[in-house]
Protein backbone atom coordinates (compact mmCIF):
# COMPACT_ATOMS: atom_id res chain seq x y z
CA MET A 1 0.00 0.00 0.00
CA SER A 2 2.95 2.33 0.44
CA GLY A 3 3.29 2.33 -3.37
CA ALA A 4 -0.08 4.04 -3.74
CA PHE A 5 0.85 6.67 -1.12
CA GLU A 6 4.21 7.25 -2.79
CA ALA A 7 2.54 7.64 -6.19
CA LEU A 8 0.05 10.11 -4.68
CA ARG A 9 2.84 12.15 -3.10
CA ILE A 10 4.83 12.30 -6.34
CA ALA A 11 1.75 13.05 -8.47
CA ASN A 12 0.73 15.79 -6.02
CA SER A 13 4.10 17.48 -6.39
CA ALA A 14 3.75 17.26 -10.18
CA LEU A 15 0.25 18.77 -10.03
CA GLY A 16 1.54 21.76 -8.09
CA ALA A 17 4.55 22.29 -10.34
CA HIS A 18 2.50 22.01 -13.52
CA GLN A 19 -0.14 24.39 -12.14
CA THR A 20 2.57 26.98 -11.48
CA TRP A 21 3.88 26.45 -15.02
CA LEU A 22 0.38 26.84 -16.49
CA ASP A 23 -0.19 30.03 -14.48
CA SER A 24 3.07 31.59 -15.66
CA LEU A 25 2.36 30.66 -19.28
CA ALA A 26 -1.13 32.16 -19.05
CA GLY A 27 0.35 35.45 -17.83
CA ASN A 28 3.00 35.44 -20.55
CA ILE A 29 0.48 34.73 -23.31
CA ALA A 30 -1.99 37.31 -21.98
CA ASN A 31 0.71 40.00 -22.04
CA THR A 32 2.29 39.18 -25.40
CA ASN A 33 0.87 42.37 -26.91
CA THR A 34 1.47 44.64 -23.91
CA ILE A 35 3.12 47.77 -25.27
CA THR A 36 4.95 50.38 -23.22
CA SER A 37 6.76 53.57 -24.10
CA THR A 38 10.47 53.33 -24.81
CA ASP A 39 11.32 54.96 -21.47
CA GLU A 40 9.53 52.18 -19.56
CA ASN A 41 10.37 48.49 -19.03
CA ALA A 42 8.73 45.93 -21.25
CA PHE A 43 6.49 43.24 -19.78
CA GLN A 44 8.78 40.55 -18.37
CA ALA A 45 7.74 36.98 -19.08
CA THR A 46 7.99 34.54 -16.18
CA TYR A 47 9.72 31.19 -16.59
CA VAL A 48 9.43 28.37 -14.06
CA ILE A 49 12.57 26.61 -12.88
CA PHE A 50 11.92 23.05 -11.73
CA SER A 51 14.03 21.04 -9.33
CA ALA A 52 13.93 17.31 -8.69
CA ARG A 53 13.17 16.07 -5.20
CA PRO A 54 15.02 13.14 -3.66
CA ASP A 55 11.72 11.23 -3.31
CA GLY A 56 11.07 11.35 -7.07
CA GLY A 57 8.78 14.35 -7.00
CA VAL A 58 9.32 17.80 -8.41
CA ASP A 59 9.36 21.26 -6.88
CA VAL A 60 9.31 24.74 -8.30
CA GLY A 61 12.89 25.76 -7.61
CA GLY A 62 12.34 29.35 -8.61
CA LEU A 63 11.04 31.76 -11.17
CA ALA A 64 13.07 33.65 -13.75
CA GLN A 65 12.03 36.67 -15.75
CA SER A 66 12.86 37.73 -19.27
CA SER A 67 14.69 40.94 -19.99
CA ALA A 68 12.92 44.21 -19.17
CA GLU A 69 14.52 45.61 -22.31
CA GLY A 70 12.10 43.72 -24.54
CA ARG A 71 12.27 44.74 -28.18
CA LEU A 72 11.72 48.01 -29.96
CA VAL A 73 8.92 48.06 -32.51
CA ASN A 74 8.38 50.82 -35.05
CA ASP A 75 4.75 51.88 -34.68
CA PRO A 76 4.56 55.66 -35.21
CA ASN A 77 0.74 55.67 -34.93
CA HIS A 78 0.72 54.15 -31.44
CA PRO A 79 -0.16 56.69 -28.74
CA LEU A 80 2.90 55.62 -26.69
CA ALA A 81 5.36 55.97 -29.59
CA ASP A 82 8.42 58.11 -28.97
CA GLU A 83 9.54 60.93 -31.29
CA ASP A 84 11.18 58.34 -33.58
CA GLY A 85 7.97 56.25 -33.75
CA TYR A 86 9.12 53.38 -31.51
CA VAL A 87 7.39 51.54 -28.69
CA ARG A 88 8.66 48.78 -26.41
CA ALA A 89 7.15 45.28 -26.72
CA PRO A 90 7.86 42.20 -24.63
CA ASP A 91 10.35 39.69 -25.95
CA VAL A 92 7.91 36.77 -25.79
CA ASP A 93 7.97 34.05 -28.44
CA MET A 94 4.32 33.05 -28.82
CA SER A 95 5.07 29.76 -30.60
CA SER A 96 7.37 28.71 -27.75
CA GLN A 97 4.76 29.71 -25.18
CA MET A 98 2.06 27.71 -26.94
CA SER A 99 4.33 24.65 -27.22
CA GLN A 100 5.12 24.90 -23.53
CA LEU A 101 1.41 25.30 -22.77
CA ILE A 102 0.68 21.98 -24.49
CA MET A 103 3.49 20.27 -22.56
CA ALA A 104 2.30 21.74 -19.25
CA GLN A 105 -1.31 20.68 -19.93
CA ARG A 106 -0.25 17.14 -20.84
CA GLY A 107 1.95 16.89 -17.76
CA PHE A 108 -0.88 18.10 -15.56
CA GLN A 109 -3.27 15.58 -17.15
CA ALA A 110 -0.76 12.77 -16.63
CA ALA A 111 -0.39 13.68 -12.95
CA VAL A 112 -4.19 13.68 -12.57
CA GLN A 113 -4.37 10.21 -14.11
CA VAL A 114 -1.64 8.91 -11.79
CA THR A 115 -3.59 10.34 -8.85
CA LYS A 116 -6.80 8.64 -9.98
CA THR A 117 -5.03 5.31 -10.50
CA ALA A 118 -3.34 5.49 -7.08
CA GLN A 119 -6.66 6.33 -5.43
CA ASP A 120 -8.30 3.37 -7.17
CA GLU A 121 -5.53 1.06 -5.94
CA TYR A 122 -5.90 2.37 -2.40
CA THR A 123 -9.68 1.90 -2.51
CA ALA A 124 -9.28 -1.64 -3.85
CA ALA A 125 -6.84 -2.48 -1.06
CA LEU A 126 -9.27 -1.15 1.56
CA GLN A 127 -12.09 -3.26 0.09
CA ILE A 128 -9.92 -6.39 0.23
CA GLY A 129 -9.17 -5.67 3.88
CA ALA A 130 -12.86 -5.15 4.64
CA ARG A 131 -13.85 -8.64 3.44
């Protein structure tokens, strides 16, 4: 029965880590088109740093942010454009963010399935003991 508890513990750590990853990706994707003036910092994307646990689980080891410099975009009609017609946009690669979103969703789904399977095993073991 300790196998089911161990699987639950590991899957629970994966659920938490993947939820943090999904949350950071959602913020990055939502702010992909956030424009600032050139004298302000660009939106900084958040990246999750994972660390392995000795028990086989995973933790969020930290969060990193992209450069506040972002990238300059020539958009002279934008209300925040400087005298040269530039605005500052975040340096977020949407295709990378979407690929990571798929991986994070699949990882979360896998951890949910492991949790369900471990719970089923635990329930089956309790029913055997009740007979």
